[in-house]
Every structure is written in structure tokens, then in C-alpha cells.
Protein backbone atom coordinates (compact mmCIF):
# COMPACT_ATOMS: atom_id res chain seq x y z
CA MET A 1 0.00 0.00 0.00
CA ALA A 2 1.38 3.41 -0.99
CA ARG A 3 1.51 6.12 1.65
CA PHE A 4 1.66 9.89 1.32
CA GLY A 5 3.20 10.97 4.60
CA ASN A 6 0.99 9.36 7.25
CA ILE A 7 -2.01 9.01 4.90
CA PRO A 8 -2.39 5.58 3.27
CA LEU A 9 -3.55 5.14 -0.30
CA GLU A 10 -4.98 1.71 -1.00
CA ARG A 11 -5.17 1.19 -4.74
CA HIS A 12 -8.67 0.07 -5.72
CA ARG A 13 -8.01 -0.29 -9.43
CA PRO A 14 -4.94 -0.79 -11.62
CA VAL A 15 -3.81 1.60 -14.29
CA VAL A 16 -5.16 0.34 -17.62
CA MET A 17 -2.56 0.47 -20.39
CA GLY A 18 -2.68 0.29 -24.17
CA CYS A 19 -0.96 1.67 -27.23
CA ARG A 20 -3.70 1.59 -29.88
CA GLY A 21 -6.55 3.28 -28.09
CA MET A 22 -8.05 4.14 -24.72
CA VAL A 23 -11.45 5.19 -23.38
CA ALA A 24 -12.01 6.30 -19.78
CA SER A 25 -15.66 6.95 -19.02
CA ALA A 26 -18.14 6.85 -16.18
CA HIS A 27 -19.59 3.43 -17.11
CA GLY A 28 -18.01 0.21 -18.31
CA LEU A 29 -20.55 -0.36 -21.10
CA ALA A 30 -19.84 3.10 -22.48
CA SER A 31 -16.09 2.53 -22.43
CA LEU A 32 -16.64 -0.82 -24.16
CA ALA A 33 -18.73 0.83 -26.88
CA GLY A 34 -15.98 3.40 -27.46
CA VAL A 35 -13.27 0.76 -27.70
CA ASP A 36 -15.42 -1.24 -30.13
CA VAL A 37 -15.66 1.83 -32.39
CA LEU A 38 -11.89 2.33 -32.25
CA ARG A 39 -11.26 -1.33 -33.07
CA LYS A 40 -13.56 -1.01 -36.10
CA GLY A 41 -11.37 1.81 -37.44
CA GLY A 42 -13.26 4.79 -36.06
CA ASN A 43 -11.33 7.70 -34.64
CA ALA A 44 -11.50 9.42 -31.25
CA VAL A 45 -14.41 11.65 -32.29
CA ASP A 46 -16.42 8.70 -33.55
CA ALA A 47 -15.78 6.87 -30.29
CA ALA A 48 -16.71 9.92 -28.21
CA ILE A 49 -20.15 10.12 -29.84
CA ALA A 50 -20.76 6.41 -29.22
CA VAL A 51 -19.57 6.70 -25.61
CA ASN A 52 -21.81 9.68 -24.91
CA ALA A 53 -24.84 7.98 -26.44
CA VAL A 54 -24.38 4.89 -24.26
CA LEU A 55 -23.89 7.05 -21.16
CA ASN A 56 -27.27 8.62 -21.99
CA VAL A 57 -28.73 5.15 -21.47
CA THR A 58 -26.66 3.88 -18.53
CA GLN A 59 -26.35 7.20 -16.65
CA PRO A 60 -29.64 8.93 -17.43
CA GLY A 61 -29.52 10.96 -14.23
CA ALA A 62 -26.24 12.56 -15.20
CA CYS A 63 -26.30 13.15 -18.93
CA GLY A 64 -28.24 12.74 -22.14
CA ILE A 65 -29.56 14.33 -25.28
CA GLY A 66 -31.72 16.62 -23.18
CA GLY A 67 -28.58 18.39 -21.94
CA ASP A 68 -25.49 20.32 -23.04
CA LEU A 69 -21.96 19.34 -24.08
CA PHE A 70 -18.49 20.89 -24.10
CA ALA A 71 -15.39 19.34 -25.65
CA LEU A 72 -11.71 19.92 -26.26
CA VAL A 73 -10.54 18.17 -29.42
CA TYR A 74 -6.94 17.55 -30.46
CA MET A 75 -6.41 16.10 -33.93
CA ALA A 76 -2.80 15.00 -34.39
CA LYS A 77 -2.56 16.28 -37.97
CA GLU A 78 -3.76 19.75 -36.94
CA ARG A 79 -1.55 19.83 -33.82
CA LYS A 80 -3.81 22.25 -31.98
CA VAL A 81 -6.55 22.09 -29.36
CA ARG A 82 -10.02 23.22 -30.42
CA PHE A 83 -12.96 24.01 -28.17
CA LEU A 84 -16.57 23.15 -28.98
CA ASN A 85 -19.30 25.00 -27.11
CA GLY A 86 -22.37 22.78 -27.32
CA SER A 87 -24.51 24.66 -24.82
CA GLY A 88 -28.00 25.91 -25.53
CA ARG A 89 -29.65 29.28 -25.03
CA SER A 90 -32.63 30.47 -23.06
CA PRO A 91 -35.94 30.91 -24.93
CA ALA A 92 -36.52 34.19 -26.75
CA ARG A 93 -39.49 34.80 -24.45
CA ALA A 94 -37.52 34.22 -21.23
CA SER A 95 -38.29 37.06 -18.84
CA LEU A 96 -36.69 37.96 -15.52
CA GLU A 97 -39.44 40.53 -14.99
CA GLN A 98 -42.14 37.88 -15.35
CA LEU A 99 -40.46 35.65 -12.77
CA VAL A 100 -40.18 38.55 -10.33
CA GLU A 101 -43.84 39.45 -10.87
CA GLU A 102 -44.76 35.83 -10.12
CA GLY A 103 -42.94 36.07 -6.79
CA HIS A 104 -39.70 34.29 -7.58
CA THR A 105 -36.55 35.45 -5.80
CA ARG A 106 -34.20 33.11 -7.70
CA MET A 107 -34.26 31.10 -10.88
CA PRO A 108 -36.51 28.04 -10.80
CA GLN A 109 -34.25 25.06 -10.14
CA ARG A 110 -36.55 22.40 -11.62
CA GLY A 111 -39.43 22.31 -14.06
CA ILE A 112 -39.81 23.67 -17.60
CA ARG A 113 -38.73 27.23 -16.73
CA SER A 114 -35.28 25.88 -15.78
CA VAL A 115 -34.76 24.35 -19.24
CA THR A 116 -32.61 25.94 -21.94
CA VAL A 117 -32.33 24.54 -25.47
CA PRO A 118 -30.46 21.21 -25.19
CA GLY A 119 -27.20 21.40 -27.14
CA CYS A 120 -25.93 17.83 -27.03
CA VAL A 121 -27.33 16.48 -30.30
CA ASP A 122 -26.18 19.44 -32.38
CA ALA A 123 -22.75 19.10 -30.76
CA TRP A 124 -22.54 15.46 -31.84
CA PHE A 125 -23.27 16.36 -35.45
CA THR A 126 -20.94 19.37 -35.35
CA LEU A 127 -18.12 17.14 -34.10
CA HIS A 128 -18.96 14.51 -36.68
CA GLU A 129 -19.12 16.98 -39.56
CA ALA A 130 -15.64 18.23 -38.70
CA TYR A 131 -13.88 14.95 -37.90
CA GLY A 132 -16.14 11.89 -37.92
CA THR A 133 -15.45 8.92 -40.19
CA LEU A 134 -18.14 6.32 -39.39
CA PRO A 135 -21.86 6.98 -39.95
CA VAL A 136 -23.67 8.48 -36.97
CA SER A 137 -26.31 5.78 -37.31
CA GLU A 138 -23.61 3.17 -36.64
CA LEU A 139 -22.23 5.13 -33.69
CA LEU A 140 -25.66 5.32 -32.03
CA ARG A 141 -26.48 1.64 -32.51
CA PRO A 142 -24.97 0.36 -29.20
CA ALA A 143 -26.98 2.93 -27.24
CA ILE A 144 -30.18 2.11 -29.15
CA ASP A 145 -29.78 -1.59 -28.45
CA LEU A 146 -29.09 -1.03 -24.74
CA ALA A 147 -32.05 1.31 -24.37
CA ARG A 148 -34.42 -1.09 -26.14
CA ASP A 149 -33.15 -4.41 -24.72
CA GLY A 150 -32.09 -3.14 -21.32
CA PHE A 151 -28.92 -3.32 -19.24
CA PRO A 152 -28.17 -4.23 -15.61
CA ILE A 153 -28.63 -0.98 -13.72
CA SER A 154 -25.90 -0.06 -11.23
CA HIS A 155 -26.34 0.45 -7.51
CA LEU A 156 -25.59 4.16 -7.90
CA MET A 157 -28.15 4.79 -10.62
CA ALA A 158 -30.84 2.64 -8.98
CA ARG A 159 -30.35 4.63 -5.78
CA ALA A 160 -30.50 7.92 -7.69
CA ILE A 161 -33.84 6.97 -9.24
CA ARG A 162 -35.23 5.79 -5.91
CA GLU A 163 -34.18 8.94 -4.04
CA THR A 164 -35.38 11.26 -6.81
CA ALA A 165 -38.80 9.62 -6.94
CA ARG A 166 -39.15 9.70 -3.15
CA GLU A 167 -37.78 13.14 -2.34
CA LEU A 168 -38.22 15.48 -5.33
CA LYS A 169 -41.76 14.80 -6.60
CA PRO A 170 -40.86 14.67 -10.30
CA HIS A 171 -43.40 15.24 -13.08
CA ARG A 172 -45.56 12.22 -13.96
CA SER A 173 -43.80 11.98 -17.35
CA TRP A 174 -40.54 11.32 -15.49
CA LEU A 175 -42.08 8.60 -13.33
CA LEU A 176 -43.40 6.76 -16.38
CA VAL A 177 -39.84 6.47 -17.72
CA TYR A 178 -37.85 5.71 -14.58
CA CYS A 179 -40.44 3.94 -12.42
CA PRO A 180 -42.49 2.20 -15.12
CA GLU A 181 -43.74 -0.48 -12.71
CA GLY A 182 -44.54 2.04 -10.01
CA ARG A 183 -41.18 1.63 -8.28
CA ALA A 184 -37.51 2.32 -8.81
CA PRO A 185 -35.51 -0.52 -10.39
CA GLU A 186 -33.39 -2.71 -8.13
CA PRO A 187 -29.59 -2.87 -8.57
CA GLY A 188 -28.77 -5.43 -11.26
CA GLU A 189 -32.29 -5.39 -12.67
CA ARG A 190 -32.46 -5.09 -16.44
CA PHE A 191 -33.62 -1.53 -17.05
CA ARG A 192 -35.28 -0.73 -20.37
CA GLN A 193 -35.99 2.67 -21.94
CA PRO A 194 -38.01 1.96 -25.11
CA ASP A 195 -39.02 5.58 -25.71
CA LEU A 196 -35.39 6.70 -25.51
CA ALA A 197 -34.46 3.96 -27.99
CA LYS A 198 -37.05 5.37 -30.41
CA SER A 199 -35.69 8.91 -29.98
CA LEU A 200 -32.14 7.77 -30.67
CA GLU A 201 -33.34 5.85 -33.73
CA THR A 202 -35.14 8.97 -34.94
CA ILE A 203 -31.90 10.95 -34.62
CA ALA A 204 -29.90 8.17 -36.31
CA ARG A 205 -32.25 8.34 -39.31
CA GLY A 206 -33.04 12.04 -39.45
CA GLY A 207 -29.89 13.71 -38.14
CA ARG A 208 -29.81 16.83 -35.99
CA ASP A 209 -33.00 18.22 -37.56
CA ALA A 210 -34.95 15.29 -36.13
CA PHE A 211 -34.22 16.81 -32.73
CA TYR A 212 -34.39 20.55 -33.45
CA ALA A 213 -36.99 20.79 -36.19
CA GLY A 214 -38.77 17.44 -36.12
CA PRO A 215 -40.80 15.19 -33.86
CA ILE A 216 -38.60 15.55 -30.78
CA ALA A 217 -38.73 19.35 -30.84
CA GLU A 218 -42.49 19.13 -31.32
CA ALA A 219 -42.82 16.91 -28.22
CA ILE A 220 -40.74 19.34 -26.16
CA LEU A 221 -42.81 22.28 -27.34
CA ARG A 222 -46.07 20.51 -26.48
CA LEU A 223 -44.83 19.85 -22.94
CA SER A 224 -43.54 23.41 -22.63
CA ASN A 225 -46.93 24.82 -23.60
CA GLU A 226 -48.69 22.48 -21.18
CA LEU A 227 -46.43 23.51 -18.27
CA GLY A 228 -46.26 27.25 -18.97
CA GLY A 229 -42.81 27.30 -20.56
CA TRP A 230 -41.40 29.96 -22.85
CA PHE A 231 -40.17 27.91 -25.82
CA ASP A 232 -41.21 28.36 -29.44
CA GLU A 233 -40.15 26.63 -32.66
CA GLU A 234 -37.49 29.19 -33.53
CA ASP A 235 -35.66 28.63 -30.24
CA PHE A 236 -34.86 25.11 -31.42
CA ALA A 237 -34.55 25.67 -35.16
CA SER A 238 -31.97 28.44 -34.71
CA HIS A 239 -29.71 26.57 -32.28
CA ARG A 240 -26.10 25.92 -33.35
CA SER A 241 -22.94 24.85 -31.53
CA GLU A 242 -19.86 27.05 -31.85
CA TRP A 243 -16.19 26.29 -32.35
CA GLY A 244 -13.78 28.47 -30.40
CA GLU A 245 -10.42 28.62 -28.66
CA PRO A 246 -9.62 27.05 -25.28
CA ILE A 247 -8.01 29.02 -22.47
CA ALA A 248 -4.66 27.98 -21.03
CA THR A 249 -1.93 28.66 -18.52
CA GLN A 250 1.55 27.40 -17.77
CA PHE A 251 1.77 25.27 -14.62
CA ARG A 252 5.33 24.20 -13.85
CA GLU A 253 6.60 22.92 -17.23
CA TYR A 254 3.14 21.99 -18.51
CA THR A 255 0.54 23.89 -20.53
CA ILE A 256 -2.92 23.27 -19.09
CA TYR A 257 -5.92 23.83 -21.39
CA GLU A 258 -9.43 24.36 -20.05
CA THR A 259 -12.79 25.27 -21.55
CA PRO A 260 -13.51 29.04 -21.58
CA PRO A 261 -16.63 30.95 -20.49
CA ASN A 262 -19.50 30.28 -20.36
CA THR A 263 -17.80 27.43 -18.42
CA GLN A 264 -15.89 27.79 -15.17
CA GLY A 265 -12.57 26.51 -16.58
CA MET A 266 -10.95 29.85 -15.68
CA ALA A 267 -11.37 28.97 -11.97
CA ALA A 268 -9.13 25.94 -12.34
CA LEU A 269 -6.48 27.96 -14.19
CA ILE A 270 -6.49 30.84 -11.68
CA ALA A 271 -6.09 28.37 -8.80
CA LEU A 272 -3.24 26.63 -10.64
CA ASN A 273 -1.57 29.99 -11.25
CA ILE A 274 -1.72 30.72 -7.52
CA LEU A 275 -0.29 27.28 -6.70
CA ASP A 276 2.43 27.77 -9.32
CA GLY A 277 3.98 30.49 -7.14
CA TRP A 278 4.89 27.98 -4.43
CA ALA A 279 7.70 25.51 -5.05
CA PRO A 280 6.40 21.97 -5.69
CA ASP A 281 8.61 20.58 -2.91
CA ARG A 282 7.61 23.19 -0.33
CA TRP A 283 5.23 20.76 1.38
CA GLU A 284 4.84 17.00 1.60
CA TRP A 285 1.64 15.82 -0.07
CA SER A 286 0.00 15.04 3.28
CA ASP A 287 0.96 18.31 4.99
CA PRO A 288 -2.24 20.07 6.14
CA GLU A 289 -0.60 23.41 5.31
CA ARG A 290 -0.36 22.35 1.65
CA HIS A 291 -4.07 21.61 1.49
CA HIS A 292 -4.89 24.80 3.41
CA HIS A 293 -3.08 26.87 0.78
CA MET A 294 -4.84 25.00 -2.05
CA VAL A 295 -8.26 25.56 -0.48
CA GLU A 296 -7.49 29.25 -0.12
CA ALA A 297 -6.34 29.41 -3.76
CA LYS A 298 -9.63 27.82 -4.75
CA ARG A 299 -11.65 30.30 -2.69
CA LEU A 300 -10.00 33.30 -4.33
CA ALA A 301 -10.35 31.78 -7.80
CA TYR A 302 -14.07 31.29 -7.21
CA VAL A 303 -14.55 34.94 -6.28
CA GLU A 304 -13.27 35.80 -9.77
CA ARG A 305 -15.30 33.01 -11.31
CA ASP A 306 -18.58 34.18 -9.78
CA ALA A 307 -17.96 37.73 -10.99
CA HIS A 308 -17.01 36.95 -14.57
CA VAL A 309 -18.33 33.64 -15.99
CA ALA A 310 -21.19 34.28 -18.40
CA ASP A 311 -22.18 33.92 -22.05
CA PRO A 312 -19.35 35.55 -24.04
CA ALA A 313 -21.91 36.83 -26.55
CA PHE A 314 -23.23 39.10 -23.76
CA TYR A 315 -20.10 39.73 -21.66
CA ARG A 316 -16.40 39.43 -22.43
CA ALA A 317 -14.56 38.38 -19.29
CA PRO A 318 -11.13 40.09 -18.95
CA LEU A 319 -9.36 36.77 -19.36
CA GLU A 320 -5.95 38.22 -20.21
CA ARG A 321 -5.87 39.97 -16.84
CA LEU A 322 -7.53 37.18 -14.87
CA LEU A 323 -5.14 34.51 -16.18
CA ALA A 324 -1.98 36.60 -15.87
CA LYS A 325 0.72 35.42 -13.46
CA GLU A 326 0.83 38.94 -12.01
CA HIS A 327 -2.84 38.71 -11.07
CA ALA A 328 -2.20 35.35 -9.41
CA ALA A 329 0.67 36.87 -7.43
CA GLY A 330 -1.68 39.52 -6.06
CA LEU A 331 -4.21 36.89 -5.06
CA ARG A 332 -1.49 34.72 -3.53
CA ALA A 333 -0.40 37.61 -1.33
CA MET A 334 -3.89 37.67 0.21
CA ILE A 335 -3.52 34.14 1.59
CA ARG A 336 -2.57 33.85 5.24
CA PRO A 337 -0.48 30.76 6.01
CA ASP A 338 -1.87 30.58 9.55
CA ARG A 339 -5.56 31.31 9.01
CA ALA A 340 -8.40 30.70 6.57
CA GLY A 341 -9.44 33.92 4.87
CA ASP A 342 -12.80 35.62 5.09
CA PHE A 343 -13.61 35.23 1.40
CA PRO A 344 -17.19 35.00 0.11
CA ALA A 345 -18.66 31.54 -0.23
CA SER A 346 -19.44 30.49 -3.78
CA SER A 347 -22.88 29.55 -4.99
CA VAL A 348 -23.90 26.02 -4.08
CA CYS A 349 -25.05 23.47 -6.60
CA GLY A 350 -25.26 19.73 -7.07
CA GLY A 351 -24.05 17.96 -10.16
CA GLY A 352 -25.65 15.64 -12.70
CA THR A 353 -22.78 15.34 -15.15
CA THR A 354 -20.54 12.83 -16.89
CA TYR A 355 -17.00 13.12 -18.23
CA PHE A 356 -15.07 10.89 -20.64
CA ALA A 357 -11.66 10.88 -22.31
CA VAL A 358 -10.83 9.18 -25.60
CA ALA A 359 -7.53 8.55 -27.41
CA ASP A 360 -7.04 6.70 -30.71
CA VAL A 361 -4.18 4.99 -32.52
CA ASP A 362 -3.27 8.15 -34.45
CA GLY A 363 -2.93 10.29 -31.33
CA ASN A 364 -6.26 12.07 -31.72
CA LEU A 365 -7.80 13.05 -28.38
CA VAL A 366 -11.23 14.09 -27.10
CA SER A 367 -11.89 15.53 -23.65
CA CYS A 368 -15.66 15.78 -23.23
CA VAL A 369 -18.06 16.74 -20.47
CA GLN A 370 -21.83 16.39 -20.85
CA SER A 371 -24.60 17.10 -18.40
CA LEU A 372 -28.18 17.50 -17.27
CA TYR A 373 -26.92 19.82 -14.46
CA LYS A 374 -28.65 18.59 -11.27
CA GLY A 375 -29.60 14.92 -11.09
CA PHE A 376 -32.11 14.14 -13.85
CA GLY A 377 -32.21 17.83 -14.73
CA ALA A 378 -35.57 19.55 -14.73
CA LEU A 379 -37.42 16.33 -13.77
CA VAL A 380 -39.63 16.62 -16.84
CA VAL A 381 -39.67 14.22 -19.80
CA PRO A 382 -41.57 15.05 -23.01
CA PRO A 383 -44.03 12.12 -23.30
CA GLY A 384 -43.01 9.47 -25.79
CA THR A 385 -39.37 10.59 -25.99
CA GLY A 386 -37.69 9.11 -22.90
CA ILE A 387 -35.53 12.26 -22.78
CA SER A 388 -34.80 13.98 -19.47
CA LEU A 389 -34.52 17.72 -20.08
CA HIS A 390 -31.73 19.51 -18.26
CA ASN A 391 -32.19 22.40 -15.82
CA ARG A 392 -29.13 24.42 -16.76
CA GLY A 393 -31.18 27.62 -16.79
CA GLY A 394 -31.33 27.32 -13.02
CA TYR A 395 -27.81 28.76 -12.89
CA PHE A 396 -28.77 32.13 -14.34
CA SER A 397 -28.36 35.03 -11.92
CA PHE A 398 -31.31 37.02 -10.62
CA GLU A 399 -29.11 40.06 -9.96
CA PRO A 400 -29.78 42.92 -12.43
CA GLY A 401 -26.58 43.98 -14.15
CA HIS A 402 -24.69 40.77 -13.35
CA PRO A 403 -23.00 39.28 -16.43
CA ASN A 404 -24.89 36.02 -15.91
CA VAL A 405 -28.35 37.54 -15.35
CA LEU A 406 -31.22 35.86 -17.21
CA ALA A 407 -31.93 37.32 -20.66
CA PRO A 408 -33.50 36.03 -23.89
CA ARG A 409 -31.40 33.76 -26.11
CA LYS A 410 -28.54 33.65 -23.60
CA ARG A 411 -26.32 30.76 -22.51
CA PRO A 412 -26.06 30.37 -18.73
CA PHE A 413 -23.00 29.91 -16.52
CA HIS A 414 -21.89 26.27 -16.77
CA THR A 415 -20.04 24.30 -14.13
CA LEU A 416 -18.92 21.90 -16.87
CA ILE A 417 -15.21 21.89 -17.73
CA ALA A 418 -12.86 19.64 -19.68
CA SER A 419 -9.07 19.79 -19.81
CA MET A 420 -5.89 18.65 -21.53
CA ALA A 421 -2.24 19.06 -20.58
CA PHE A 422 0.78 19.36 -22.86
CA LYS A 423 4.50 19.21 -22.20
CA GLY A 424 6.09 21.30 -24.90
CA TYR A 425 4.16 20.53 -28.05
CA GLU A 426 3.14 17.02 -27.03
CA PRO A 427 -0.11 16.07 -25.26
CA VAL A 428 0.37 14.17 -22.01
CA LEU A 429 -3.02 14.21 -20.26
CA VAL A 430 -6.74 14.21 -21.05
CA PHE A 431 -8.75 14.74 -17.87
CA GLY A 432 -12.04 15.76 -16.33
CA THR A 433 -14.68 15.00 -13.74
CA MET A 434 -18.30 15.49 -12.80
CA GLY A 435 -19.21 17.31 -9.61
CA GLY A 436 -20.76 20.75 -10.15
CA ASP A 437 -18.84 23.39 -8.19
CA GLY A 438 -16.31 20.73 -7.25
CA GLN A 439 -14.95 20.29 -10.77
CA PRO A 440 -12.16 22.93 -10.72
CA GLN A 441 -11.22 21.74 -7.23
CA THR A 442 -10.71 18.20 -8.50
CA HIS A 443 -8.73 19.50 -11.49
CA LEU A 444 -6.45 21.44 -9.13
CA GLN A 445 -5.84 18.46 -6.86
CA VAL A 446 -5.33 15.85 -9.58
CA PHE A 447 -2.96 18.05 -11.63
CA SER A 448 -0.89 18.69 -8.52
CA ASN A 449 -0.96 15.01 -7.57
CA ILE A 450 0.54 14.08 -10.94
CA ILE A 451 2.86 17.01 -11.66
CA ASP A 452 4.06 17.89 -8.17
CA HIS A 453 3.93 14.52 -6.45
CA GLY A 454 4.61 11.96 -9.16
CA MET A 455 1.41 9.94 -8.91
CA ASP A 456 0.21 7.90 -11.86
CA ILE A 457 -3.22 8.70 -13.28
CA GLN A 458 -5.07 6.09 -11.20
CA GLN A 459 -3.29 7.07 -7.97
CA ALA A 460 -3.98 10.73 -8.66
CA ILE A 461 -7.70 10.04 -9.12
CA GLU A 462 -7.99 7.72 -6.12
CA ALA A 463 -6.00 9.87 -3.68
CA PRO A 464 -8.04 11.38 -0.82
CA ARG A 465 -9.77 14.57 -1.93
CA TRP A 466 -11.40 17.57 -0.34
CA ALA A 467 -14.20 19.70 -1.69
CA HIS A 468 -15.10 23.15 -0.45
CA ASP A 469 -18.62 24.58 -0.47
CA VAL A 470 -20.30 21.80 -2.42
CA SER A 471 -22.85 20.72 0.22
CA GLU A 472 -26.50 21.17 -0.60
CA PRO A 473 -28.76 22.98 1.89
CA PRO A 474 -29.56 22.55 4.75
CA ALA A 475 -25.80 21.94 5.25
CA PRO A 476 -24.05 25.24 5.98
CA SER A 477 -22.25 27.06 3.18
CA GLY A 478 -18.48 27.26 3.33
CA GLU A 479 -18.01 23.70 4.57
CA LEU A 480 -14.75 21.93 3.73
CA LEU A 481 -15.55 18.27 3.17
CA LEU A 482 -12.65 15.86 3.74
CA GLU A 483 -12.65 12.21 2.80
CA ALA A 484 -12.23 10.06 5.91
CA ARG A 485 -8.90 8.68 4.68
CA PHE A 486 -7.29 12.01 5.60
CA GLY A 487 -7.92 11.09 9.22
CA GLY A 488 -8.95 12.95 12.35
CA ALA A 489 -5.56 14.55 13.06
CA PHE A 490 -5.48 16.05 9.57
CA GLU A 491 -9.02 17.39 9.98
CA GLU A 492 -8.16 18.92 13.34
CA ALA A 493 -5.12 20.67 11.86
CA LEU A 494 -7.30 22.35 9.22
CA ARG A 495 -9.95 23.16 11.79
CA ARG A 496 -7.32 24.97 13.87
CA LEU A 497 -6.54 27.06 10.78
CA GLY A 498 -10.14 28.23 10.72
CA HIS A 499 -11.72 25.87 8.20
CA ARG A 500 -15.23 24.58 8.87
CA THR A 501 -14.49 20.90 8.26
CA ARG A 502 -16.54 17.72 8.05
CA LEU A 503 -15.31 14.17 7.42
CA VAL A 504 -17.25 12.19 4.81
CA ASP A 505 -16.88 8.69 3.38
CA GLY A 506 -13.45 7.41 2.41
CA LEU A 507 -14.43 7.45 -1.28
CA ASP A 508 -17.27 9.94 -1.38
CA SER A 509 -19.35 10.68 -4.47
CA LYS A 510 -19.51 14.38 -3.52
CA MET A 511 -15.84 14.57 -4.54
CA GLY A 512 -16.81 13.90 -8.14
CA HIS A 513 -16.16 10.97 -10.46
CA ALA A 514 -12.99 11.68 -12.43
CA GLN A 515 -11.56 9.96 -15.50
CA GLY A 516 -8.35 10.54 -17.40
CA ILE A 517 -5.71 9.29 -19.83
CA TRP A 518 -1.98 9.85 -19.32
CA ILE A 519 0.20 9.61 -22.42
CA SER A 520 3.85 8.57 -22.18
CA GLY A 521 6.19 7.19 -24.84
CA GLY A 522 3.38 6.06 -27.10
CA THR A 523 1.52 4.31 -24.27
CA TYR A 524 -1.91 5.32 -23.05
CA MET A 525 -2.54 4.89 -19.32
CA GLY A 526 -6.20 5.12 -18.34
CA GLY A 527 -7.65 5.89 -14.93
CA ALA A 528 -11.24 5.84 -13.66
CA ASP A 529 -12.80 6.84 -10.38
CA PRO A 530 -13.88 4.18 -7.85
CA ARG A 531 -16.23 6.81 -6.37
CA GLY A 532 -18.54 6.05 -9.30
CA ASP A 533 -19.17 3.42 -11.96
CA GLY A 534 -16.28 4.46 -14.19
CA TYR A 535 -13.95 2.17 -16.14
CA ALA A 536 -10.97 2.71 -18.40
CA LEU A 537 -10.53 0.27 -21.27
CA GLY A 538 -7.82 0.12 -23.91
CA TRP A 539 -5.69 -2.19 -25.96
């Protein structure tokens, strides 16, 4: 058993190695589907579409075609990282004034008013148009078969359905899909989603227009009208994904790429910039002072995040200033080594997200994150479609003048981020996680685990993690959650520094489910998180 100082790290899974291809995703059947595509001659983009489609079936509480998608794509012949923004916009009739008049004091967190146009399907076809090689109909076939014929549902997903049905009072259309026999499925029970299979078949035959201008859009509009939503036909027909540039910083000798606004990738880069000012050997990995300084770096990065992340079509964040090393030095100077700072707590949210990494034989890479936002999104399903609609609109601000305030045809703040790391001109890491507000925190910890402390990708993912301010009410804001493997003495040391700490499970789902691929000497090394259902597969 490896140890980091006095903290043990029991390896739960081996590093998976291969040289011809690798998929690390949040479910074994999805990783298998991706590897099958690669073995048939498809490339990393082809495999990513197949993986995402299967995750829609096996992780319906986390992701699906009713949600949004962001990706970083590296094609070896182009030798550059591209960013795809596959997030949707609010309806043209969305109105902050109407919500205020109706008595709302914040954005609705569930229901049809929390739904923005789902961007996932258009993102698939945009990726495929640029780089795909196999027909989309072939790439969707594994997901269609699993949805129609069923698959053994995991303990995690069965529990998520049971708790959602019991505690959140979802719309009757949701219950018909996920509790078709009047109860949640049991772990290991074959779970079928025939309506979702039909929707995926419709998309396989009719392409993106089947979703945005065909029968699926019509079903969403009917439900929206029934529930008092704002959508009209043009909201869907006009939707398009956008290619753009990632944002990046230098951390030690590595270039770290993250997704730009309207995602929170800048928070991870600002925190890394702050950490970059301290020598990597200043602290042992297990030193509470090291983790104190990282938590404080995170807190300051989130102050900037909450002020500046918004739809770039409405607000241009001053990224050059925010990502400058000089700015990080000023933030670093605010951190007290002997006391937690009095910095504002960030907004609190849960996560219903999936992340996957794909690498192919030619060195092409995809880092993709896809989400319904909170578990099962808006808790509404257009009848006959089997599609859970996301609730990403719930993250719009209610504050007039804020960059992220609700407005018509606007993309909301997204917690979703995906990353890559390069050493010189060569890619070395594809990485990401689910976990809402915890995502940049996991990026910060895993990058430091690998780069500063020499862990392999699986060790870096499995190592004990902390997460600050990710608890849902009624838990107090500003809590620092520590996995129990840190131990009581470690917790007490941070408590003495002024942190409001709480020990959680040794491998706690609130820390996110991370996946990644490390690249070294032509070998792919895949890692997946034992906190979830993830698996890395390669050959």
C-alpha cells in the first residue's frame, strides 16, 4: 500500500494500459462501446459520440440528449486544441421581470422554466461533420440496443432513481420512464428505456434536424406549452454549436488547457496559477498546510469566477488579466499561512454530469463533459421521448446587471469543464470530472498530484480529496468536506486554521467521479474513479 506521509492510499483499481486506443468513461458499457468503435477503425471523435450515447442510457440521471456538451478536441494532424461549445440558449421569451412578478426570488431550479435549449445532439453532429469517419447511425447503434433491450442498472443509478422519486416529486412523465412499474428498479435489474431507444433511432435516421426541427422538438414544445414554458419553434430551429479557442496557462513545465466561459474553466487555471507560485517541494503531499493553501487558492479563484463567468456573446470576461501570473501573485499575497481567509462563499449546486476521455491509434484526443446539471435535470420528460430535459437555466443570476443575469437567447453559466495538458508541443493528459462546483477543485488536486507529487493517473484520481462549499442545503455554506482517509488529526489541523471541516466517506461521491488518460512514450494509461461506476478500457 502506498503512503503519502501518514495518509495511506490503497489502490482500488490498476492503471489500464494500451498503445492503440483508450477510453475512460463513467460506465463500463460506455467505455466498451468506445473501444469497439476504435477497433472497427473509427477515430477518437467517432468513439466519443458512441460513448456519450451509451452514457445517456446507462447514466440517465447525469447526462443525455436533453442536456449540453463541451469538448476539447486535439487532432494530431492539426496539432492544436479546439474548443466546442455545445450549450444551448434560453428561450426568446424568457423574462426575468415575469419571474419577479410571479414572486420568484431566484431562478426556478426544476421544471420547464429551468430548461434551456439542449445542445448535445447538435454538438454530436458538429463534431462529426468536422472529424467523424463512421456513420452516426452506426455510432448510435450500441446505445439504441441497450435502451431497447435493457442493461443491468448499477447500484448508484438505482439509488439515484429511488431517491429522486421519493424526495423530489418529479413530473408524472418522469415517473413513467424511470419507475415504469410504479417503483424504482433494483440494482442489477435489467432496465429498459423503449421511448429513448425510439428517440435515438429517430436521430440516427433524421440527423440533428430530427431533434431541433422534427418530432422531438415538437414533443418538447407541447410539454412546454402544457407547463407554462417559454419555448417556441425558432428557439430550437436556430440553435447551433460554436467552435472556439480554449483558455490555457503554464503550470510548472506543462501547458494546461481548459474550456472558456460560459464554463468555469478559468477557476481551475487561476487556482493553478496561484499554486504555481509555491515551489512543488515546499510541502509534503500530506501536509495540512499544503491543502490549506490549495483551499485558499480555490476560494479566491471562485470569487473571480462568480464575478465573470457568463455567455461571451453578452459579456467578455477580462481573461488576459484574470489569467496573468501577475494577477495570481496579487491573489497569492492575500492568503494567510496561519488562518483561513474571510472570502465570500461560492454559490452552491449539485451535479448531474458525466465526463469521458478518448484517445485513438493516431494520437487524436477528445476531452468531453456532458450534463443534465442537477440529477435528472428539470425532472420533466416530453411524453413518448424518454428524454430527461436539463435544468441548466437554473444557474442564471437574478441580480440585475450581473454578467450572468437571465436574458432572452442567452447561454447560462456552466459548471462543466474539460481539460488537456501538454508538455512542450506534445499532449500528455486528457482529464475531467463530474461534480458541479467541485470540478475545478478536482482538477487542481489531480494536476498537482501528478505534476508535483509523481502519482500515476489512477493514484492521482484515487488519492483522498477535499471539496469546499459543495454541500446542498440545509448543510451550511463554506463547509470543507474531507474524505475520511485524511484522518482525524489532519481534519483537526485544518480546523485549527479556521476551516469549517466535516469528514465524509473514504471514497465519497460528492468529490466527483474523475476519469483521465496519461500519455507517455506512445503508451496510453487510463484511470477511472472508484467513487462512481467508471472504467478505463484500452488495448
